[in-house]
């Protein structure tokens, strides 16, 4: 195999790897940004909404490729309401808002600000 062929094959492979990574991040989101979203939503609930860390069982970051205004957010499970998940989104300006919930008889609904 000549040197030109090897360079061409390596170039094609590099392009395929880069495009695959870009496609993955476009569909499933950046894991670092999802982790950051978890931390931001948790801090929002503790600092601005007055929850204690013990009241929050789980915070899971998520990504929506269909939203250009607020692609990242987190789902939260509270200790006194473990059967419901509350979904928060982080707008590009940093504003955090409860978007929805899943389950029955939610205890932690917030009224929309926007």
PDB file of N, CA and C in Angstrom:
ATOM      1  N   UNK A   1       0.853  -1.177   0.000  1.00  0.00           N
ATOM      2  CA  UNK A   1       0.000   0.000   0.000  1.00  0.00           C
ATOM      3  C   UNK A   1       0.898   1.238   0.000  1.00  0.00           C
ATOM      4  N   UNK A   2       0.595   2.147  -0.905  1.00  0.00           N
ATOM      5  CA  UNK A   2       1.441   3.332  -1.009  1.00  0.00           C
ATOM      6  C   UNK A   2       1.118   4.328   0.105  1.00  0.00           C
ATOM      7  N   UNK A   3       2.029   5.272   0.252  1.00  0.00           N
ATOM      8  CA  UNK A   3       1.876   6.283   1.302  1.00  0.00           C
ATOM      9  C   UNK A   3       0.646   7.147   1.046  1.00  0.00           C
ATOM     10  N   UNK A   4       0.341   7.470  -0.206  1.00  0.00           N
ATOM     11  CA  UNK A   4      -0.831   8.286  -0.544  1.00  0.00           C
ATOM     12  C   UNK A   4      -2.129   7.563  -0.180  1.00  0.00           C
ATOM     13  N   UNK A   5      -2.182   6.277  -0.427  1.00  0.00           N
ATOM     14  CA  UNK A   5      -3.370   5.496  -0.116  1.00  0.00           C
ATOM     15  C   UNK A   5      -3.581   5.441   1.398  1.00  0.00           C
ATOM     16  N   UNK A   6      -2.501   5.226   2.148  1.00  0.00           N
ATOM     17  CA  UNK A   6      -2.600   5.192   3.606  1.00  0.00           C
ATOM     18  C   UNK A   6      -3.097   6.530   4.161  1.00  0.00           C
ATOM     19  N   UNK A   7      -2.562   7.614   3.660  1.00  0.00           N
ATOM     20  CA  UNK A   7      -2.977   8.949   4.118  1.00  0.00           C
ATOM     21  C   UNK A   7      -4.443   9.200   3.765  1.00  0.00           C
ATOM     22  N   UNK A   8      -4.856   8.791   2.585  1.00  0.00           N
ATOM     23  CA  UNK A   8      -6.244   8.955   2.167  1.00  0.00           C
ATOM     24  C   UNK A   8      -7.183   8.153   3.058  1.00  0.00           C
ATOM     25  N   UNK A   9      -6.833   6.907   3.342  1.00  0.00           N
ATOM     26  CA  UNK A   9      -7.665   6.063   4.198  1.00  0.00           C
ATOM     27  C   UNK A   9      -7.736   6.617   5.620  1.00  0.00           C
ATOM     28  N   UNK A  10      -6.626   7.087   6.145  1.00  0.00           N
ATOM     29  CA  UNK A  10      -6.627   7.683   7.487  1.00  0.00           C
ATOM     30  C   UNK A  10      -7.459   8.967   7.519  1.00  0.00           C
ATOM     31  N   UNK A  11      -7.400   9.737   6.456  1.00  0.00           N
ATOM     32  CA  UNK A  11      -8.205  10.966   6.377  1.00  0.00           C
ATOM     33  C   UNK A  11      -9.691  10.647   6.352  1.00  0.00           C
ATOM     34  N   UNK A  12     -10.061   9.665   5.570  1.00  0.00           N
ATOM     35  CA  UNK A  12     -11.471   9.248   5.500  1.00  0.00           C
ATOM     36  C   UNK A  12     -11.928   8.719   6.854  1.00  0.00           C
ATOM     37  N   UNK A  13     -11.100   7.920   7.504  1.00  0.00           N
ATOM     38  CA  UNK A  13     -11.432   7.387   8.826  1.00  0.00           C
ATOM     39  C   UNK A  13     -11.609   8.517   9.840  1.00  0.00           C
ATOM     40  N   UNK A  14     -10.736   9.502   9.815  1.00  0.00           N
ATOM     41  CA  UNK A  14     -10.841  10.643  10.734  1.00  0.00           C
ATOM     42  C   UNK A  14     -12.136  11.411  10.502  1.00  0.00           C
ATOM     43  N   UNK A  15     -12.498  11.608   9.249  1.00  0.00           N
ATOM     44  CA  UNK A  15     -13.740  12.315   8.922  1.00  0.00           C
ATOM     45  C   UNK A  15     -14.946  11.525   9.423  1.00  0.00           C
ATOM     46  N   UNK A  16     -14.943  10.215   9.238  1.00  0.00           N
ATOM     47  CA  UNK A  16     -16.044   9.364   9.697  1.00  0.00           C
ATOM     48  C   UNK A  16     -16.162   9.437  11.226  1.00  0.00           C
ATOM     49  N   UNK A  17     -15.043   9.380  11.927  1.00  0.00           N
ATOM     50  CA  UNK A  17     -15.067   9.442  13.393  1.00  0.00           C
ATOM     51  C   UNK A  17     -15.604  10.794  13.861  1.00  0.00           C
ATOM     52  N   UNK A  18     -15.156  11.873  13.262  1.00  0.00           N
ATOM     53  CA  UNK A  18     -15.615  13.221  13.638  1.00  0.00           C
ATOM     54  C   UNK A  18     -17.107  13.376  13.364  1.00  0.00           C
ATOM     55  N   UNK A  19     -17.573  12.941  12.207  1.00  0.00           N
ATOM     56  CA  UNK A  19     -18.997  13.051  11.879  1.00  0.00           C
ATOM     57  C   UNK A  19     -19.850  12.175  12.789  1.00  0.00           C
ATOM     58  N   UNK A  20     -19.342  11.008  13.153  1.00  0.00           N
ATOM     59  CA  UNK A  20     -20.083  10.131  14.070  1.00  0.00           C
ATOM     60  C   UNK A  20     -20.213  10.775  15.445  1.00  0.00           C
ATOM     61  N   UNK A  21     -19.131  11.359  15.933  1.00  0.00           N
ATOM     62  CA  UNK A  21     -19.175  12.045  17.228  1.00  0.00           C
ATOM     63  C   UNK A  21     -20.127  13.220  17.204  1.00  0.00           C
ATOM     64  N   UNK A  22     -20.084  13.997  16.138  1.00  0.00           N
ATOM     65  CA  UNK A  22     -20.985  15.145  16.003  1.00  0.00           C
ATOM     66  C   UNK A  22     -22.441  14.674  15.960  1.00  0.00           C
ATOM     67  N   UNK A  23     -22.699  13.602  15.229  1.00  0.00           N
ATOM     68  CA  UNK A  23     -24.056  13.061  15.145  1.00  0.00           C
ATOM     69  C   UNK A  23     -24.547  12.565  16.490  1.00  0.00           C
ATOM     70  N   UNK A  24     -23.684  11.878  17.227  1.00  0.00           N
ATOM     71  CA  UNK A  24     -24.057  11.383  18.548  1.00  0.00           C
ATOM     72  C   UNK A  24     -24.414  12.546  19.473  1.00  0.00           C
ATOM     73  N   UNK A  25     -23.555  13.563  19.525  1.00  0.00           N
ATOM     74  CA  UNK A  25     -23.815  14.710  20.397  1.00  0.00           C
ATOM     75  C   UNK A  25     -25.065  15.468  19.972  1.00  0.00           C
ATOM     76  N   UNK A  26     -25.352  15.509  18.685  1.00  0.00           N
ATOM     77  CA  UNK A  26     -26.557  16.187  18.204  1.00  0.00           C
ATOM     78  C   UNK A  26     -27.822  15.460  18.625  1.00  0.00           C
ATOM     79  N   UNK A  27     -27.781  14.151  18.662  1.00  0.00           N
ATOM     80  CA  UNK A  27     -28.966  13.367  19.023  1.00  0.00           C
ATOM     81  C   UNK A  27     -29.122  13.154  20.522  1.00  0.00           C
ATOM     82  N   UNK A  28     -28.016  12.919  21.229  1.00  0.00           N
ATOM     83  CA  UNK A  28     -28.086  12.516  22.631  1.00  0.00           C
ATOM     84  C   UNK A  28     -27.547  13.557  23.602  1.00  0.00           C
ATOM     85  N   UNK A  29     -26.955  14.629  23.102  1.00  0.00           N
ATOM     86  CA  UNK A  29     -26.461  15.697  23.963  1.00  0.00           C
ATOM     87  C   UNK A  29     -25.068  15.433  24.499  1.00  0.00           C
ATOM     88  N   UNK A  30     -24.475  16.498  25.003  1.00  0.00           N
ATOM     89  CA  UNK A  30     -23.142  16.445  25.565  1.00  0.00           C
ATOM     90  C   UNK A  30     -23.237  15.975  27.024  1.00  0.00           C
ATOM     91  N   UNK A  31     -22.611  14.864  27.384  1.00  0.00           N
ATOM     92  CA  UNK A  31     -22.704  14.361  28.756  1.00  0.00           C
ATOM     93  C   UNK A  31     -22.197  15.365  29.793  1.00  0.00           C
ATOM     94  N   UNK A  32     -21.214  16.154  29.447  1.00  0.00           N
ATOM     95  CA  UNK A  32     -20.698  17.166  30.380  1.00  0.00           C
ATOM     96  C   UNK A  32     -21.753  18.230  30.637  1.00  0.00           C
ATOM     97  N   UNK A  33     -22.450  18.660  29.592  1.00  0.00           N
ATOM     98  CA  UNK A  33     -23.507  19.653  29.763  1.00  0.00           C
ATOM     99  C   UNK A  33     -24.700  19.079  30.522  1.00  0.00           C
ATOM    100  N   UNK A  34     -24.979  17.792  30.353  1.00  0.00           N
ATOM    101  CA  UNK A  34     -26.074  17.167  31.104  1.00  0.00           C
ATOM    102  C   UNK A  34     -25.725  17.104  32.599  1.00  0.00           C
ATOM    103  N   UNK A  35     -24.467  16.795  32.911  1.00  0.00           N
ATOM    104  CA  UNK A  35     -24.027  16.786  34.299  1.00  0.00           C
ATOM    105  C   UNK A  35     -24.109  18.199  34.886  1.00  0.00           C
ATOM    106  N   UNK A  36     -23.727  19.190  34.097  1.00  0.00           N
ATOM    107  CA  UNK A  36     -23.825  20.584  34.520  1.00  0.00           C
ATOM    108  C   UNK A  36     -25.284  20.973  34.767  1.00  0.00           C
ATOM    109  N   UNK A  37     -26.193  20.485  33.916  1.00  0.00           N
ATOM    110  CA  UNK A  37     -27.622  20.768  34.088  1.00  0.00           C
ATOM    111  C   UNK A  37     -28.131  20.174  35.399  1.00  0.00           C
ATOM    112  N   UNK A  38     -27.687  18.963  35.737  1.00  0.00           N
ATOM    113  CA  UNK A  38     -28.071  18.346  37.009  1.00  0.00           C
ATOM    114  C   UNK A  38     -27.666  19.240  38.177  1.00  0.00           C
ATOM    115  N   UNK A  39     -26.426  19.711  38.141  1.00  0.00           N
ATOM    116  CA  UNK A  39     -25.910  20.547  39.224  1.00  0.00           C
ATOM    117  C   UNK A  39     -26.649  21.882  39.306  1.00  0.00           C
ATOM    118  N   UNK A  40     -26.934  22.478  38.155  1.00  0.00           N
ATOM    119  CA  UNK A  40     -27.635  23.773  38.139  1.00  0.00           C
ATOM    120  C   UNK A  40     -29.060  23.648  38.671  1.00  0.00           C
ATOM    121  N   UNK A  41     -29.766  22.593  38.274  1.00  0.00           N
ATOM    122  CA  UNK A  41     -31.138  22.409  38.744  1.00  0.00           C
ATOM    123  C   UNK A  41     -31.140  22.114  40.242  1.00  0.00           C
ATOM    124  N   UNK A  42     -30.220  21.301  40.695  1.00  0.00           N
ATOM    125  CA  UNK A  42     -30.121  21.001  42.129  1.00  0.00           C
ATOM    126  C   UNK A  42     -29.834  22.281  42.920  1.00  0.00           C
ATOM    127  N   UNK A  43     -28.900  23.093  42.449  1.00  0.00           N
ATOM    128  CA  UNK A  43     -28.580  24.359  43.118  1.00  0.00           C
ATOM    129  C   UNK A  43     -29.784  25.301  43.101  1.00  0.00           C
ATOM    130  N   UNK A  44     -30.500  25.334  41.994  1.00  0.00           N
ATOM    131  CA  UNK A  44     -31.708  26.167  41.882  1.00  0.00           C
ATOM    132  C   UNK A  44     -32.741  25.759  42.932  1.00  0.00           C
ATOM    133  N   UNK A  45     -32.965  24.457  43.066  1.00  0.00           N
ATOM    134  CA  UNK A  45     -33.960  23.977  44.021  1.00  0.00           C
ATOM    135  C   UNK A  45     -33.551  24.280  45.465  1.00  0.00           C
ATOM    136  N   UNK A  46     -32.278  24.169  45.768  1.00  0.00           N
ATOM    137  CA  UNK A  46     -31.801  24.404  47.132  1.00  0.00           C
ATOM    138  C   UNK A  46     -31.713  25.901  47.430  1.00  0.00           C
ATOM    139  N   UNK A  47     -31.108  26.667  46.532  1.00  0.00           N
ATOM    140  CA  UNK A  47     -30.849  28.076  46.800  1.00  0.00           C
ATOM    141  C   UNK A  47     -32.054  28.980  46.563  1.00  0.00           C
ATOM    142  N   UNK A  48     -32.820  28.707  45.518  1.00  0.00           N
ATOM    143  CA  UNK A  48     -33.920  29.607  45.181  1.00  0.00           C
ATOM    144  C   UNK A  48     -35.285  29.109  45.632  1.00  0.00           C
ATOM    145  N   UNK A  49     -35.449  27.802  45.717  1.00  0.00           N
ATOM    146  CA  UNK A  49     -36.755  27.256  46.092  1.00  0.00           C
ATOM    147  C   UNK A  49     -36.803  26.764  47.531  1.00  0.00           C
ATOM    148  N   UNK A  50     -35.668  26.749  48.228  1.00  0.00           N
ATOM    149  CA  UNK A  50     -35.645  26.444  49.643  1.00  0.00           C
ATOM    150  C   UNK A  50     -35.687  24.980  50.028  1.00  0.00           C
ATOM    151  N   UNK A  51     -35.431  24.077  49.097  1.00  0.00           N
ATOM    152  CA  UNK A  51     -35.376  22.659  49.427  1.00  0.00           C
ATOM    153  C   UNK A  51     -34.048  22.347  50.116  1.00  0.00           C
ATOM    154  N   UNK A  52     -34.044  21.326  50.944  1.00  0.00           N
ATOM    155  CA  UNK A  52     -32.799  20.854  51.537  1.00  0.00           C
ATOM    156  C   UNK A  52     -32.251  19.733  50.660  1.00  0.00           C
ATOM    157  N   UNK A  53     -30.963  19.482  50.724  1.00  0.00           N
ATOM    158  CA  UNK A  53     -30.404  18.389  49.921  1.00  0.00           C
ATOM    159  C   UNK A  53     -31.047  17.038  50.222  1.00  0.00           C
ATOM    160  N   UNK A  54     -31.492  16.834  51.463  1.00  0.00           N
ATOM    161  CA  UNK A  54     -32.119  15.569  51.840  1.00  0.00           C
ATOM    162  C   UNK A  54     -33.484  15.387  51.191  1.00  0.00           C
ATOM    163  N   UNK A  55     -34.126  16.478  50.803  1.00  0.00           N
ATOM    164  CA  UNK A  55     -35.447  16.392  50.178  1.00  0.00           C
ATOM    165  C   UNK A  55     -35.377  15.975  48.710  1.00  0.00           C
ATOM    166  N   UNK A  56     -34.188  16.015  48.138  1.00  0.00           N
ATOM    167  CA  UNK A  56     -34.004  15.676  46.723  1.00  0.00           C
ATOM    168  C   UNK A  56     -33.313  14.314  46.641  1.00  0.00           C
ATOM    169  N   UNK A  57     -34.040  13.316  46.160  1.00  0.00           N
ATOM    170  CA  UNK A  57     -33.482  11.959  46.058  1.00  0.00           C
ATOM    171  C   UNK A  57     -32.558  11.840  44.850  1.00  0.00           C
ATOM    172  N   UNK A  58     -33.026  12.329  43.702  1.00  0.00           N
ATOM    173  CA  UNK A  58     -32.292  12.102  42.459  1.00  0.00           C
ATOM    174  C   UNK A  58     -32.469  13.282  41.517  1.00  0.00           C
ATOM    175  N   UNK A  59     -31.392  13.622  40.830  1.00  0.00           N
ATOM    176  CA  UNK A  59     -31.420  14.623  39.770  1.00  0.00           C
ATOM    177  C   UNK A  59     -30.704  14.012  38.573  1.00  0.00           C
ATOM    178  N   UNK A  60     -31.396  13.895  37.453  1.00  0.00           N
ATOM    179  CA  UNK A  60     -30.834  13.269  36.256  1.00  0.00           C
ATOM    180  C   UNK A  60     -30.889  14.254  35.094  1.00  0.00           C
ATOM    181  N   UNK A  61     -29.735  14.578  34.532  1.00  0.00           N
ATOM    182  CA  UNK A  61     -29.671  15.496  33.401  1.00  0.00           C
ATOM    183  C   UNK A  61     -30.272  14.883  32.155  1.00  0.00           C
ATOM    184  N   UNK A  62     -30.832  15.739  31.300  1.00  0.00           N
ATOM    185  CA  UNK A  62     -31.388  15.261  30.034  1.00  0.00           C
ATOM    186  C   UNK A  62     -31.197  16.303  28.941  1.00  0.00           C
ATOM    187  N   UNK A  63     -31.447  15.877  27.729  1.00  0.00           N
ATOM    188  CA  UNK A  63     -31.221  16.699  26.542  1.00  0.00           C
ATOM    189  C   UNK A  63     -32.368  16.494  25.568  1.00  0.00           C
ATOM    190  N   UNK A  64     -32.800  17.584  24.943  1.00  0.00           N
ATOM    191  CA  UNK A  64     -33.839  17.502  23.918  1.00  0.00           C
ATOM    192  C   UNK A  64     -33.300  18.131  22.633  1.00  0.00           C
ATOM    193  N   UNK A  65     -33.094  17.312  21.616  1.00  0.00           N
ATOM    194  CA  UNK A  65     -32.569  17.858  20.356  1.00  0.00           C
ATOM    195  C   UNK A  65     -33.621  18.666  19.599  1.00  0.00           C
ATOM    196  N   UNK A  66     -34.870  18.611  20.035  1.00  0.00           N
ATOM    197  CA  UNK A  66     -35.914  19.372  19.356  1.00  0.00           C
ATOM    198  C   UNK A  66     -36.052  20.791  19.891  1.00  0.00           C
ATOM    199  N   UNK A  67     -35.424  21.107  21.004  1.00  0.00           N
ATOM    200  CA  UNK A  67     -35.553  22.437  21.600  1.00  0.00           C
ATOM    201  C   UNK A  67     -34.287  23.246  21.349  1.00  0.00           C
ATOM    202  N   UNK A  68     -34.435  24.359  20.667  1.00  0.00           N
ATOM    203  CA  UNK A  68     -33.276  25.227  20.452  1.00  0.00           C
ATOM    204  C   UNK A  68     -33.159  26.273  21.565  1.00  0.00           C
ATOM    205  N   UNK A  69     -34.261  26.588  22.230  1.00  0.00           N
ATOM    206  CA  UNK A  69     -34.253  27.601  23.287  1.00  0.00           C
ATOM    207  C   UNK A  69     -33.784  27.038  24.626  1.00  0.00           C
ATOM    208  N   UNK A  70     -34.114  25.785  24.916  1.00  0.00           N
ATOM    209  CA  UNK A  70     -33.748  25.165  26.191  1.00  0.00           C
ATOM    210  C   UNK A  70     -33.464  23.676  25.986  1.00  0.00           C
ATOM    211  N   UNK A  71     -32.313  23.340  25.385  1.00  0.00           N
ATOM    212  CA  UNK A  71     -32.054  21.936  25.082  1.00  0.00           C
ATOM    213  C   UNK A  71     -31.692  21.069  26.291  1.00  0.00           C
ATOM    214  N   UNK A  72     -31.149  21.670  27.356  1.00  0.00           N
ATOM    215  CA  UNK A  72     -30.717  20.882  28.513  1.00  0.00           C
ATOM    216  C   UNK A  72     -31.622  21.126  29.710  1.00  0.00           C
ATOM    217  N   UNK A  73     -31.719  20.121  30.550  1.00  0.00           N
ATOM    218  CA  UNK A  73     -32.528  20.211  31.753  1.00  0.00           C
ATOM    219  C   UNK A  73     -32.253  19.019  32.640  1.00  0.00           C
ATOM    220  N   UNK A  74     -33.151  18.807  33.599  1.00  0.00           N
ATOM    221  CA  UNK A  74     -32.980  17.683  34.516  1.00  0.00           C
ATOM    222  C   UNK A  74     -34.324  17.214  35.037  1.00  0.00           C
ATOM    223  N   UNK A  75     -34.401  15.934  35.349  1.00  0.00           N
ATOM    224  CA  UNK A  75     -35.565  15.345  35.999  1.00  0.00           C
ATOM    225  C   UNK A  75     -35.218  15.157  37.462  1.00  0.00           C
ATOM    226  N   UNK A  76     -36.173  15.510  38.331  1.00  0.00           N
ATOM    227  CA  UNK A  76     -35.918  15.482  39.771  1.00  0.00           C
ATOM    228  C   UNK A  76     -36.937  14.586  40.460  1.00  0.00           C
ATOM    229  N   UNK A  77     -36.458  13.797  41.421  1.00  0.00           N
ATOM    230  CA  UNK A  77     -37.322  13.000  42.278  1.00  0.00           C
ATOM    231  C   UNK A  77     -37.151  13.510  43.704  1.00  0.00           C
ATOM    232  N   UNK A  78     -38.276  13.825  44.352  1.00  0.00           N
ATOM    233  CA  UNK A  78     -38.252  14.324  45.720  1.00  0.00           C
ATOM    234  C   UNK A  78     -38.510  13.182  46.702  1.00  0.00           C
ATOM    235  N   UNK A  79     -37.955  13.302  47.901  1.00  0.00           N
ATOM    236  CA  UNK A  79     -38.060  12.252  48.917  1.00  0.00           C
ATOM    237  C   UNK A  79     -39.503  12.003  49.340  1.00  0.00           C
ATOM    238  N   UNK A  80     -40.307  13.070  49.438  1.00  0.00           N
ATOM    239  CA  UNK A  80     -41.686  12.889  49.889  1.00  0.00           C
ATOM    240  C   UNK A  80     -42.657  12.583  48.756  1.00  0.00           C
ATOM    241  N   UNK A  81     -42.127  12.436  47.539  1.00  0.00           N
ATOM    242  CA  UNK A  81     -42.962  12.171  46.369  1.00  0.00           C
ATOM    243  C   UNK A  81     -42.181  11.288  45.381  1.00  0.00           C
ATOM    244  N   UNK A  82     -41.752  10.100  45.818  1.00  0.00           N
ATOM    245  CA  UNK A  82     -40.853   9.286  44.991  1.00  0.00           C
ATOM    246  C   UNK A  82     -41.480   8.699  43.729  1.00  0.00           C
ATOM    247  N   UNK A  83     -42.796   8.719  43.626  1.00  0.00           N
ATOM    248  CA  UNK A  83     -43.446   8.149  42.447  1.00  0.00           C
ATOM    249  C   UNK A  83     -43.598   9.139  41.300  1.00  0.00           C
ATOM    250  N   UNK A  84     -43.267  10.399  41.532  1.00  0.00           N
ATOM    251  CA  UNK A  84     -43.375  11.422  40.495  1.00  0.00           C
ATOM    252  C   UNK A  84     -41.996  11.946  40.119  1.00  0.00           C
ATOM    253  N   UNK A  85     -41.847  12.316  38.860  1.00  0.00           N
ATOM    254  CA  UNK A  85     -40.635  12.979  38.384  1.00  0.00           C
ATOM    255  C   UNK A  85     -41.036  14.356  37.890  1.00  0.00           C
ATOM    256  N   UNK A  86     -40.251  15.344  38.283  1.00  0.00           N
ATOM    257  CA  UNK A  86     -40.488  16.725  37.886  1.00  0.00           C
ATOM    258  C   UNK A  86     -39.390  17.123  36.911  1.00  0.00           C
ATOM    259  N   UNK A  87     -39.781  17.701  35.788  1.00  0.00           N
ATOM    260  CA  UNK A  87     -38.845  18.008  34.717  1.00  0.00           C
ATOM    261  C   UNK A  87     -38.605  19.517  34.668  1.00  0.00           C
ATOM    262  N   UNK A  88     -37.340  19.894  34.758  1.00  0.00           N
ATOM    263  CA  UNK A  88     -36.921  21.286  34.732  1.00  0.00           C
ATOM    264  C   UNK A  88     -36.087  21.514  33.478  1.00  0.00           C
ATOM    265  N   UNK A  89     -36.229  22.697  32.891  1.00  0.00           N
ATOM    266  CA  UNK A  89     -35.426  23.040  31.723  1.00  0.00           C
ATOM    267  C   UNK A  89     -34.609  24.288  32.039  1.00  0.00           C
ATOM    268  N   UNK A  90     -33.461  24.378  31.379  1.00  0.00           N
ATOM    269  CA  UNK A  90     -32.566  25.516  31.556  1.00  0.00           C
ATOM    270  C   UNK A  90     -32.523  26.268  30.233  1.00  0.00           C
ATOM    271  N   UNK A  91     -33.033  27.485  30.259  1.00  0.00           N
ATOM    272  CA  UNK A  91     -33.028  28.303  29.052  1.00  0.00           C
ATOM    273  C   UNK A  91     -31.616  28.820  28.791  1.00  0.00           C
ATOM    274  N   UNK A  92     -31.354  29.212  27.567  1.00  0.00           N
ATOM    275  CA  UNK A  92     -30.020  29.672  27.194  1.00  0.00           C
ATOM    276  C   UNK A  92     -29.573  30.899  27.990  1.00  0.00           C
ATOM    277  N   UNK A  93     -30.537  31.683  28.500  1.00  0.00           N
ATOM    278  CA  UNK A  93     -30.179  32.841  29.324  1.00  0.00           C
ATOM    279  C   UNK A  93     -29.908  32.461  30.777  1.00  0.00           C
ATOM    280  N   UNK A  94     -29.983  31.152  31.110  1.00  0.00           N
ATOM    281  CA  UNK A  94     -29.705  30.666  32.458  1.00  0.00           C
ATOM    282  C   UNK A  94     -30.933  30.495  33.334  1.00  0.00           C
ATOM    283  N   UNK A  95     -32.072  30.965  32.873  1.00  0.00           N
ATOM    284  CA  UNK A  95     -33.320  30.846  33.629  1.00  0.00           C
ATOM    285  C   UNK A  95     -33.736  29.381  33.706  1.00  0.00           C
ATOM    286  N   UNK A  96     -34.140  28.939  34.900  1.00  0.00           N
ATOM    287  CA  UNK A  96     -34.582  27.551  35.105  1.00  0.00           C
ATOM    288  C   UNK A  96     -36.063  27.566  35.436  1.00  0.00           C
ATOM    289  N   UNK A  97     -36.781  26.643  34.827  1.00  0.00           N
ATOM    290  CA  UNK A  97     -38.233  26.590  35.019  1.00  0.00           C
ATOM    291  C   UNK A  97     -38.701  25.136  35.038  1.00  0.00           C
ATOM    292  N   UNK A  98     -39.676  24.872  35.887  1.00  0.00           N
ATOM    293  CA  UNK A  98     -40.292  23.550  35.883  1.00  0.00           C
ATOM    294  C   UNK A  98     -41.126  23.451  34.610  1.00  0.00           C
ATOM    295  N   UNK A  99     -40.875  22.402  33.849  1.00  0.00           N
ATOM    296  CA  UNK A  99     -41.520  22.262  32.555  1.00  0.00           C
ATOM    297  C   UNK A  99     -42.729  21.347  32.623  1.00  0.00           C
ATOM    298  N   UNK A 100     -42.584  20.234  33.312  1.00  0.00           N
ATOM    299  CA  UNK A 100     -43.671  19.261  33.398  1.00  0.00           C
ATOM    300  C   UNK A 100     -43.389  18.286  34.532  1.00  0.00           C
ATOM    301  N   UNK A 101     -44.256  17.319  34.655  1.00  0.00           N
ATOM    302  CA  UNK A 101     -44.050  16.253  35.630  1.00  0.00           C
ATOM    303  C   UNK A 101     -44.643  14.976  35.064  1.00  0.00           C
ATOM    304  N   UNK A 102     -44.223  13.856  35.625  1.00  0.00           N
ATOM    305  CA  UNK A 102     -44.826  12.586  35.241  1.00  0.00           C
ATOM    306  C   UNK A 102     -45.226  11.871  36.518  1.00  0.00           C
ATOM    307  N   UNK A 103     -46.406  11.322  36.513  1.00  0.00           N
ATOM    308  CA  UNK A 103     -46.938  10.640  37.674  1.00  0.00           C
ATOM    309  C   UNK A 103     -48.310  11.186  38.030  1.00  0.00           C
ATOM    310  N   UNK A 104     -48.798  10.800  39.196  1.00  0.00           N
ATOM    311  CA  UNK A 104     -50.120  11.222  39.657  1.00  0.00           C
ATOM    312  C   UNK A 104     -49.997  12.041  40.941  1.00  0.00           C
ATOM    313  N   UNK A 105     -50.928  12.967  41.126  1.00  0.00           N
ATOM    314  CA  UNK A 105     -51.019  13.780  42.339  1.00  0.00           C
ATOM    315  C   UNK A 105     -49.687  14.423  42.740  1.00  0.00           C
ATOM    316  N   UNK A 106     -49.156  15.310  41.908  1.00  0.00           N
ATOM    317  CA  UNK A 106     -47.861  15.934  42.198  1.00  0.00           C
ATOM    318  C   UNK A 106     -47.934  16.861  43.413  1.00  0.00           C
ATOM    319  N   UNK A 107     -46.885  16.850  44.219  1.00  0.00           N
ATOM    320  CA  UNK A 107     -46.819  17.689  45.415  1.00  0.00           C
ATOM    321  C   UNK A 107     -45.964  18.928  45.225  1.00  0.00           C
ATOM    322  N   UNK A 108     -45.171  18.974  44.168  1.00  0.00           N
ATOM    323  CA  UNK A 108     -44.182  20.049  44.015  1.00  0.00           C
ATOM    324  C   UNK A 108     -44.370  20.853  42.722  1.00  0.00           C
ATOM    325  N   UNK A 109     -45.596  21.099  42.353  1.00  0.00           N
ATOM    326  CA  UNK A 109     -45.826  21.881  41.126  1.00  0.00           C
ATOM    327  C   UNK A 109     -45.484  23.339  41.368  1.00  0.00           C
ATOM    328  N   UNK A 110     -44.857  23.935  40.375  1.00  0.00           N
ATOM    329  CA  UNK A 110     -44.552  25.364  40.401  1.00  0.00           C
ATOM    330  C   UNK A 110     -45.392  26.048  39.343  1.00  0.00           C
ATOM    331  N   UNK A 111     -45.791  27.262  39.619  1.00  0.00           N
ATOM    332  CA  UNK A 111     -46.531  28.016  38.603  1.00  0.00           C
ATOM    333  C   UNK A 111     -45.535  28.583  37.605  1.00  0.00           C
ATOM    334  N   UNK A 112     -45.873  28.542  36.330  1.00  0.00           N
ATOM    335  CA  UNK A 112     -44.953  29.057  35.307  1.00  0.00           C
ATOM    336  C   UNK A 112     -44.730  30.563  35.459  1.00  0.00           C
ATOM    337  N   UNK A 113     -43.474  30.978  35.305  1.00  0.00           N
ATOM    338  CA  UNK A 113     -43.124  32.393  35.441  1.00  0.00           C
ATOM    339  C   UNK A 113     -43.194  33.089  34.099  1.00  0.00           C
ATOM    340  N   UNK A 114     -42.761  32.438  33.054  1.00  0.00           N
ATOM    341  CA  UNK A 114     -42.706  33.057  31.720  1.00  0.00           C
ATOM    342  C   UNK A 114     -44.063  33.188  31.109  1.00  0.00           C
TER     343      UNK A 114
END
